[in-house]
PDB file of N, CA and C in Angstrom:
ATOM      1  N   MET A   1     -36.874-161.525-113.236  1.00  0.00           N
ATOM      2  CA  MET A   1     -38.432-161.259-112.882  1.00  0.00           C
ATOM      3  C   MET A   1     -38.733-162.537-112.981  1.00  0.00           C
ATOM      4  N   THR A   2     -39.668-162.851-112.156  1.00  0.00           N
ATOM      5  CA  THR A   2     -40.745-164.482-112.541  1.00  0.00           C
ATOM      6  C   THR A   2     -42.299-163.961-112.748  1.00  0.00           C
ATOM      7  N   ALA A   3     -42.255-164.892-113.865  1.00  0.00           N
ATOM      8  CA  ALA A   3     -43.987-165.051-114.414  1.00  0.00           C
ATOM      9  C   ALA A   3     -44.822-165.141-113.733  1.00  0.00           C
ATOM     10  N   THR A   4     -46.169-164.477-113.790  1.00  0.00           N
ATOM     11  CA  THR A   4     -47.122-165.136-112.892  1.00  0.00           C
ATOM     12  C   THR A   4     -47.826-166.361-113.266  1.00  0.00           C
ATOM     13  N   MET A   5     -48.393-166.996-112.733  1.00  0.00           N
ATOM     14  CA  MET A   5     -48.708-168.160-113.043  1.00  0.00           C
ATOM     15  C   MET A   5     -50.325-167.758-113.351  1.00  0.00           C
ATOM     16  N   THR A   6     -51.059-167.949-114.293  1.00  0.00           N
ATOM     17  CA  THR A   6     -52.749-167.548-114.774  1.00  0.00           C
ATOM     18  C   THR A   6     -53.359-168.998-114.813  1.00  0.00           C
ATOM     19  N   THR A   7     -54.058-168.810-113.604  1.00  0.00           N
ATOM     20  CA  THR A   7     -55.427-170.032-113.398  1.00  0.00           C
ATOM     21  C   THR A   7     -56.391-169.978-114.736  1.00  0.00           C
ATOM     22  N   PRO A   8     -56.723-171.112-115.573  1.00  0.00           N
ATOM     23  CA  PRO A   8     -57.485-171.051-116.849  1.00  0.00           C
ATOM     24  C   PRO A   8     -58.736-170.983-116.227  1.00  0.00           C
ATOM     25  N   THR A   9     -60.160-170.538-116.552  1.00  0.00           N
ATOM     26  CA  THR A   9     -61.132-170.604-116.146  1.00  0.00           C
ATOM     27  C   THR A   9     -61.701-171.754-116.855  1.00  0.00           C
ATOM     28  N   GLN A  10     -63.013-172.455-116.522  1.00  0.00           N
ATOM     29  CA  GLN A  10     -63.768-173.096-117.158  1.00  0.00           C
ATOM     30  C   GLN A  10     -64.208-172.239-118.846  1.00  0.00           C
ATOM     31  N   GLU A  11     -64.673-171.307-118.333  1.00  0.00           N
ATOM     32  CA  GLU A  11     -65.175-170.906-119.564  1.00  0.00           C
ATOM     33  C   GLU A  11     -64.176-170.534-120.829  1.00  0.00           C
ATOM     34  N   GLU A  12     -62.661-170.437-120.324  1.00  0.00           N
ATOM     35  CA  GLU A  12     -61.794-170.279-120.991  1.00  0.00           C
ATOM     36  C   GLU A  12     -61.582-171.676-121.944  1.00  0.00           C
ATOM     37  N   ALA A  13     -61.512-172.615-120.842  1.00  0.00           N
ATOM     38  CA  ALA A  13     -61.584-174.158-121.725  1.00  0.00           C
ATOM     39  C   ALA A  13     -62.804-174.420-122.838  1.00  0.00           C
ATOM     40  N   ALA A  14     -63.840-173.648-122.414  1.00  0.00           N
ATOM     41  CA  ALA A  14     -65.310-173.713-123.081  1.00  0.00           C
ATOM     42  C   ALA A  14     -64.814-173.033-124.589  1.00  0.00           C
ATOM     43  N   ALA A  15     -63.960-172.204-124.279  1.00  0.00           N
ATOM     44  CA  ALA A  15     -63.663-171.262-125.843  1.00  0.00           C
ATOM     45  C   ALA A  15     -62.551-171.895-126.448  1.00  0.00           C
ATOM     46  N   ILE A  16     -61.904-172.736-125.903  1.00  0.00           N
ATOM     47  CA  ILE A  16     -60.685-173.247-126.662  1.00  0.00           C
ATOM     48  C   ILE A  16     -61.325-174.551-127.297  1.00  0.00           C
ATOM     49  N   ARG A  17     -62.368-175.573-126.539  1.00  0.00           N
ATOM     50  CA  ARG A  17     -62.974-176.289-127.246  1.00  0.00           C
ATOM     51  C   ARG A  17     -63.691-176.005-128.332  1.00  0.00           C
ATOM     52  N   ARG A  18     -64.575-174.660-128.483  1.00  0.00           N
ATOM     53  CA  ARG A  18     -65.349-174.401-129.461  1.00  0.00           C
ATOM     54  C   ARG A  18     -64.123-173.898-130.555  1.00  0.00           C
ATOM     55  N   TRP A  19     -63.025-173.441-130.317  1.00  0.00           N
ATOM     56  CA  TRP A  19     -62.210-173.357-131.515  1.00  0.00           C
ATOM     57  C   TRP A  19     -61.949-174.792-132.141  1.00  0.00           C
ATOM     58  N   ALA A  20     -61.426-175.465-131.260  1.00  0.00           N
ATOM     59  CA  ALA A  20     -61.132-176.738-131.888  1.00  0.00           C
ATOM     60  C   ALA A  20     -62.120-177.505-132.883  1.00  0.00           C
ATOM     61  N   GLU A  21     -63.764-177.266-132.041  1.00  0.00           N
ATOM     62  CA  GLU A  21     -64.765-178.002-132.960  1.00  0.00           C
ATOM     63  C   GLU A  21     -64.913-176.972-134.364  1.00  0.00           C
ATOM     64  N   ALA A  22     -64.606-175.483-134.310  1.00  0.00           N
ATOM     65  CA  ALA A  22     -64.380-175.007-135.347  1.00  0.00           C
ATOM     66  C   ALA A  22     -63.290-175.425-136.441  1.00  0.00           C
ATOM     67  N   LEU A  23     -61.974-175.416-135.784  1.00  0.00           N
ATOM     68  CA  LEU A  23     -61.330-176.387-136.798  1.00  0.00           C
ATOM     69  C   LEU A  23     -61.166-177.525-136.991  1.00  0.00           C
ATOM     70  N   TRP A  24     -62.148-178.218-136.582  1.00  0.00           N
ATOM     71  CA  TRP A  24     -62.714-179.723-137.102  1.00  0.00           C
ATOM     72  C   TRP A  24     -63.264-179.462-138.460  1.00  0.00           C
ATOM     73  N   ALA A  25     -64.722-178.512-138.283  1.00  0.00           N
ATOM     74  CA  ALA A  25     -65.364-178.017-139.542  1.00  0.00           C
ATOM     75  C   ALA A  25     -64.262-177.338-140.595  1.00  0.00           C
ATOM     76  N   ALA A  26     -63.456-176.963-139.977  1.00  0.00           N
ATOM     77  CA  ALA A  26     -62.387-176.382-141.321  1.00  0.00           C
ATOM     78  C   ALA A  26     -61.558-177.372-142.085  1.00  0.00           C
ATOM     79  N   GLU A  27     -61.513-178.480-140.855  1.00  0.00           N
ATOM     80  CA  GLU A  27     -60.760-179.712-141.555  1.00  0.00           C
ATOM     81  C   GLU A  27     -61.306-180.427-142.297  1.00  0.00           C
ATOM     82  N   LYS A  28     -62.890-180.597-141.817  1.00  0.00           N
ATOM     83  CA  LYS A  28     -63.571-181.282-143.080  1.00  0.00           C
ATOM     84  C   LYS A  28     -63.932-180.718-144.391  1.00  0.00           C
ATOM     85  N   ALA A  29     -64.070-179.157-144.526  1.00  0.00           N
ATOM     86  CA  ALA A  29     -64.141-178.476-145.420  1.00  0.00           C
ATOM     87  C   ALA A  29     -63.146-178.691-146.462  1.00  0.00           C
ATOM     88  N   ILE A  30     -61.601-178.825-145.884  1.00  0.00           N
ATOM     89  CA  ILE A  30     -60.750-178.574-146.678  1.00  0.00           C
ATOM     90  C   ILE A  30     -60.749-179.988-147.280  1.00  0.00           C
ATOM     91  N   SER A  31     -60.804-180.980-146.758  1.00  0.00           N
ATOM     92  CA  SER A  31     -60.679-182.340-147.062  1.00  0.00           C
ATOM     93  C   SER A  31     -61.572-182.762-148.493  1.00  0.00           C
ATOM     94  N   ASP A  32     -63.384-181.882-148.240  1.00  0.00           N
ATOM     95  CA  ASP A  32     -64.014-182.046-149.085  1.00  0.00           C
ATOM     96  C   ASP A  32     -63.595-181.227-150.501  1.00  0.00           C
ATOM     97  N   ALA A  33     -63.082-180.369-149.718  1.00  0.00           N
ATOM     98  CA  ALA A  33     -62.471-179.383-151.206  1.00  0.00           C
ATOM     99  C   ALA A  33     -61.658-180.009-151.948  1.00  0.00           C
ATOM    100  N   TYR A  34     -60.590-180.436-151.401  1.00  0.00           N
ATOM    101  CA  TYR A  34     -59.945-181.647-152.366  1.00  0.00           C
ATOM    102  C   TYR A  34     -60.045-182.662-152.705  1.00  0.00           C
ATOM    103  N   ALA A  35     -61.318-183.364-152.283  1.00  0.00           N
ATOM    104  CA  ALA A  35     -61.839-184.333-152.852  1.00  0.00           C
ATOM    105  C   ALA A  35     -62.840-184.191-154.172  1.00  0.00           C
ATOM    106  N   ALA A  36     -63.023-182.427-154.333  1.00  0.00           N
ATOM    107  CA  ALA A  36     -63.578-182.202-155.357  1.00  0.00           C
ATOM    108  C   ALA A  36     -62.463-181.791-156.695  1.00  0.00           C
ATOM    109  N   LEU A  37     -61.381-182.181-156.192  1.00  0.00           N
ATOM    110  CA  LEU A  37     -60.203-181.990-157.080  1.00  0.00           C
ATOM    111  C   LEU A  37     -59.987-183.240-158.138  1.00  0.00           C
ATOM    112  N   ASP A  38     -60.380-184.550-157.298  1.00  0.00           N
ATOM    113  CA  ASP A  38     -60.035-185.580-157.793  1.00  0.00           C
ATOM    114  C   ASP A  38     -60.090-185.841-159.638  1.00  0.00           C
ATOM    115  N   PRO A  39     -61.096-185.442-159.909  1.00  0.00           N
ATOM    116  CA  PRO A  39     -61.048-185.432-161.542  1.00  0.00           C
ATOM    117  C   PRO A  39     -59.932-184.780-162.291  1.00  0.00           C
ATOM    118  N   VAL A  40     -59.570-183.882-161.686  1.00  0.00           N
ATOM    119  CA  VAL A  40     -58.064-182.746-162.235  1.00  0.00           C
ATOM    120  C   VAL A  40     -56.943-183.564-162.413  1.00  0.00           C
ATOM    121  N   ARG A  41     -56.847-184.156-163.753  1.00  0.00           N
ATOM    122  CA  ARG A  41     -55.340-184.500-163.705  1.00  0.00           C
ATOM    123  C   ARG A  41     -54.389-183.633-163.509  1.00  0.00           C
ATOM    124  N   ASP A  42     -53.066-184.046-162.890  1.00  0.00           N
ATOM    125  CA  ASP A  42     -51.853-183.096-162.430  1.00  0.00           C
ATOM    126  C   ASP A  42     -51.186-182.509-163.727  1.00  0.00           C
ATOM    127  N   SER A  43     -51.422-182.871-164.798  1.00  0.00           N
ATOM    128  CA  SER A  43     -51.027-182.233-165.952  1.00  0.00           C
ATOM    129  C   SER A  43     -51.653-180.943-166.057  1.00  0.00           C
ATOM    130  N   VAL A  44     -52.811-180.942-165.643  1.00  0.00           N
ATOM    131  CA  VAL A  44     -53.522-179.571-165.688  1.00  0.00           C
ATOM    132  C   VAL A  44     -53.096-178.925-164.788  1.00  0.00           C
ATOM    133  N   PHE A  45     -53.271-179.105-163.624  1.00  0.00           N
ATOM    134  CA  PHE A  45     -52.825-178.345-162.671  1.00  0.00           C
ATOM    135  C   PHE A  45     -51.524-177.978-162.941  1.00  0.00           C
ATOM    136  N   ARG A  46     -50.564-178.484-163.409  1.00  0.00           N
ATOM    137  CA  ARG A  46     -49.156-177.918-163.838  1.00  0.00           C
ATOM    138  C   ARG A  46     -49.174-176.983-164.945  1.00  0.00           C
ATOM    139  N   GLU A  47     -50.181-176.927-165.739  1.00  0.00           N
ATOM    140  CA  GLU A  47     -50.522-176.039-166.873  1.00  0.00           C
ATOM    141  C   GLU A  47     -50.989-174.641-166.521  1.00  0.00           C
ATOM    142  N   ILE A  48     -51.625-174.509-165.366  1.00  0.00           N
ATOM    143  CA  ILE A  48     -52.360-173.487-164.961  1.00  0.00           C
ATOM    144  C   ILE A  48     -51.389-173.148-163.680  1.00  0.00           C
ATOM    145  N   ARG A  49     -50.540-173.555-163.427  1.00  0.00           N
ATOM    146  CA  ARG A  49     -49.551-173.386-162.672  1.00  0.00           C
ATOM    147  C   ARG A  49     -50.248-173.309-161.003  1.00  0.00           C
ATOM    148  N   LEU A  50     -51.018-174.495-160.780  1.00  0.00           N
ATOM    149  CA  LEU A  50     -51.730-174.593-159.408  1.00  0.00           C
ATOM    150  C   LEU A  50     -50.709-175.888-158.943  1.00  0.00           C
ATOM    151  N   ALA A  51     -49.981-176.346-159.421  1.00  0.00           N
ATOM    152  CA  ALA A  51     -49.400-177.825-159.435  1.00  0.00           C
ATOM    153  C   ALA A  51     -49.378-178.146-157.791  1.00  0.00           C
ATOM    154  N   ASP A  52     -49.071-176.721-156.363  1.00  0.00           N
ATOM    155  CA  ASP A  52     -49.193-177.230-155.511  1.00  0.00           C
ATOM    156  C   ASP A  52     -50.355-176.927-154.492  1.00  0.00           C
ATOM    157  N   ILE A  53     -51.575-177.108-155.361  1.00  0.00           N
ATOM    158  CA  ILE A  53     -52.863-177.055-154.598  1.00  0.00           C
ATOM    159  C   ILE A  53     -52.960-178.490-154.187  1.00  0.00           C
ATOM    160  N   ARG A  54     -52.389-179.489-155.028  1.00  0.00           N
ATOM    161  CA  ARG A  54     -52.785-180.926-154.314  1.00  0.00           C
ATOM    162  C   ARG A  54     -52.299-181.141-152.849  1.00  0.00           C
ATOM    163  N   CYS A  55     -51.152-180.275-152.802  1.00  0.00           N
ATOM    164  CA  CYS A  55     -50.336-180.324-151.400  1.00  0.00           C
ATOM    165  C   CYS A  55     -51.192-180.466-150.374  1.00  0.00           C
ATOM    166  N   LEU A  56     -51.345-181.428-149.310  1.00  0.00           N
ATOM    167  CA  LEU A  56     -52.151-181.910-148.443  1.00  0.00           C
ATOM    168  C   LEU A  56     -51.611-180.750-147.136  1.00  0.00           C
ATOM    169  N   LYS A  57     -50.790-179.626-147.410  1.00  0.00           N
ATOM    170  CA  LYS A  57     -50.040-179.379-146.102  1.00  0.00           C
ATOM    171  C   LYS A  57     -50.912-178.247-145.420  1.00  0.00           C
ATOM    172  N   LEU A  58     -51.758-177.791-145.800  1.00  0.00           N
ATOM    173  CA  LEU A  58     -52.784-176.901-145.183  1.00  0.00           C
ATOM    174  C   LEU A  58     -53.766-178.054-144.382  1.00  0.00           C
ATOM    175  N   LEU A  59     -54.151-178.908-145.018  1.00  0.00           N
ATOM    176  CA  LEU A  59     -55.172-180.121-144.242  1.00  0.00           C
ATOM    177  C   LEU A  59     -54.321-180.189-143.099  1.00  0.00           C
ATOM    178  N   CYS A  60     -52.996-180.664-143.266  1.00  0.00           N
ATOM    179  CA  CYS A  60     -52.013-181.261-142.231  1.00  0.00           C
ATOM    180  C   CYS A  60     -52.396-180.047-141.022  1.00  0.00           C
ATOM    181  N   GLU A  61     -51.841-178.691-141.447  1.00  0.00           N
ATOM    182  CA  GLU A  61     -51.809-177.980-140.197  1.00  0.00           C
ATOM    183  C   GLU A  61     -52.869-177.322-139.936  1.00  0.00           C
ATOM    184  N   VAL A  62     -54.328-177.747-140.337  1.00  0.00           N
ATOM    185  CA  VAL A  62     -55.393-177.497-139.724  1.00  0.00           C
ATOM    186  C   VAL A  62     -55.432-178.681-138.655  1.00  0.00           C
ATOM    187  N   THR A  63     -55.186-180.120-139.093  1.00  0.00           N
ATOM    188  CA  THR A  63     -55.550-181.041-138.409  1.00  0.00           C
ATOM    189  C   THR A  63     -54.371-181.152-137.084  1.00  0.00           C
ATOM    190  N   ASN A  64     -53.468-180.438-137.326  1.00  0.00           N
ATOM    191  CA  ASN A  64     -52.178-180.593-136.140  1.00  0.00           C
ATOM    192  C   ASN A  64     -53.222-179.679-134.636  1.00  0.00           C
ATOM    193  N   HIS A  65     -53.460-177.976-135.439  1.00  0.00           N
ATOM    194  CA  HIS A  65     -53.794-177.139-134.611  1.00  0.00           C
ATOM    195  C   HIS A  65     -55.051-177.756-133.764  1.00  0.00           C
ATOM    196  N   ARG A  66     -55.886-178.353-134.867  1.00  0.00           N
ATOM    197  CA  ARG A  66     -57.389-178.975-134.029  1.00  0.00           C
ATOM    198  C   ARG A  66     -56.506-179.748-132.865  1.00  0.00           C
ATOM    199  N   GLY A  67     -55.584-180.469-133.091  1.00  0.00           N
ATOM    200  CA  GLY A  67     -55.583-181.580-132.112  1.00  0.00           C
ATOM    201  C   GLY A  67     -54.692-181.060-130.587  1.00  0.00           C
ATOM    202  N   GLU A  68     -54.225-180.023-131.016  1.00  0.00           N
ATOM    203  CA  GLU A  68     -53.514-178.953-130.054  1.00  0.00           C
ATOM    204  C   GLU A  68     -54.610-178.233-129.081  1.00  0.00           C
ATOM    205  N   ALA A  69     -55.668-177.872-129.989  1.00  0.00           N
ATOM    206  CA  ALA A  69     -56.666-177.458-129.567  1.00  0.00           C
ATOM    207  C   ALA A  69     -57.459-178.126-128.347  1.00  0.00           C
ATOM    208  N   GLU A  70     -57.669-179.539-128.959  1.00  0.00           N
ATOM    209  CA  GLU A  70     -58.298-180.097-127.789  1.00  0.00           C
ATOM    210  C   GLU A  70     -57.690-180.433-126.774  1.00  0.00           C
ATOM    211  N   ARG A  71     -56.477-180.847-126.996  1.00  0.00           N
ATOM    212  CA  ARG A  71     -55.317-181.068-125.439  1.00  0.00           C
ATOM    213  C   ARG A  71     -55.203-180.273-124.613  1.00  0.00           C
ATOM    214  N   ALA A  72     -55.213-178.780-125.137  1.00  0.00           N
ATOM    215  CA  ALA A  72     -55.058-177.855-124.454  1.00  0.00           C
ATOM    216  C   ALA A  72     -56.538-177.640-123.642  1.00  0.00           C
ATOM    217  N   ALA A  73     -57.901-177.937-124.537  1.00  0.00           N
ATOM    218  CA  ALA A  73     -58.850-177.770-123.593  1.00  0.00           C
ATOM    219  C   ALA A  73     -59.233-178.498-122.520  1.00  0.00           C
ATOM    220  N   GLU A  74     -58.698-180.084-122.520  1.00  0.00           N
ATOM    221  CA  GLU A  74     -58.570-180.875-121.942  1.00  0.00           C
ATOM    222  C   GLU A  74     -57.534-180.657-120.675  1.00  0.00           C
ATOM    223  N   LYS A  75     -56.369-179.887-120.865  1.00  0.00           N
ATOM    224  CA  LYS A  75     -55.631-179.897-119.992  1.00  0.00           C
ATOM    225  C   LYS A  75     -56.098-178.681-118.843  1.00  0.00           C
ATOM    226  N   ILE A  76     -56.397-177.846-119.306  1.00  0.00           N
ATOM    227  CA  ILE A  76     -57.647-176.775-118.636  1.00  0.00           C
ATOM    228  C   ILE A  76     -58.443-177.062-118.004  1.00  0.00           C
ATOM    229  N   LEU A  77     -59.423-178.009-118.394  1.00  0.00           N
ATOM    230  CA  LEU A  77     -60.360-178.675-117.660  1.00  0.00           C
ATOM    231  C   LEU A  77     -60.161-179.112-116.551  1.00  0.00           C
ATOM    232  N   SER A  78     -58.619-180.267-116.517  1.00  0.00           N
ATOM    233  CA  SER A  78     -58.221-180.884-115.775  1.00  0.00           C
ATOM    234  C   SER A  78     -57.712-180.326-114.505  1.00  0.00           C
ATOM    235  N   SER A  79     -57.309-178.821-115.058  1.00  0.00           N
ATOM    236  CA  SER A  79     -56.268-178.141-113.985  1.00  0.00           C
ATOM    237  C   SER A  79     -57.071-176.854-112.997  1.00  0.00           C
ATOM    238  N   VAL A  80     -58.498-176.974-113.942  1.00  0.00           N
ATOM    239  CA  VAL A  80     -59.427-175.807-113.480  1.00  0.00           C
ATOM    240  C   VAL A  80     -59.633-176.272-111.597  1.00  0.00           C
ATOM    241  N   SER A  81     -59.592-175.141-110.906  1.00  0.00           N
ATOM    242  CA  SER A  81     -59.683-175.825-109.602  1.00  0.00           C
ATOM    243  C   SER A  81     -61.133-175.423-109.371  1.00  0.00           C
ATOM    244  N   ASP A  82     -62.102-176.271-108.183  1.00  0.00           N
ATOM    245  CA  ASP A  82     -63.140-176.516-108.020  1.00  0.00           C
ATOM    246  C   ASP A  82     -63.789-174.809-108.135  1.00  0.00           C
ATOM    247  N   ASP A  83     -62.939-173.905-107.217  1.00  0.00           N
ATOM    248  CA  ASP A  83     -63.633-172.616-107.172  1.00  0.00           C
ATOM    249  C   ASP A  83     -63.632-171.560-108.240  1.00  0.00           C
ATOM    250  N   ALA A  84     -63.045-172.236-109.355  1.00  0.00           N
ATOM    251  CA  ALA A  84     -63.071-171.537-110.432  1.00  0.00           C
ATOM    252  C   ALA A  84     -64.225-172.038-111.460  1.00  0.00           C
ATOM    253  N   ARG A  85     -64.794-173.289-111.254  1.00  0.00           N
ATOM    254  CA  ARG A  85     -65.584-173.973-112.164  1.00  0.00           C
ATOM    255  C   ARG A  85     -66.757-173.157-111.771  1.00  0.00           C
TER     256      ARG A  85
END
């Protein structure tokens, strides 16, 4: 069985771009949230069992997804035929 190719539309590319923009806002908010924790000592995090909260894994994941969304939107826009625009 052969998979059919779906041609993305400009509207879909715009939706993905809005997704990337929302991820950028989330990335900024997470970064600001981590900055708010700067005065908290590591020993305090350990004491209240939140030592992993300082891990920047979430920020890295959001950043990666934002980049993927931006690349996908660009790829779609470059592949959309003039008829589909």
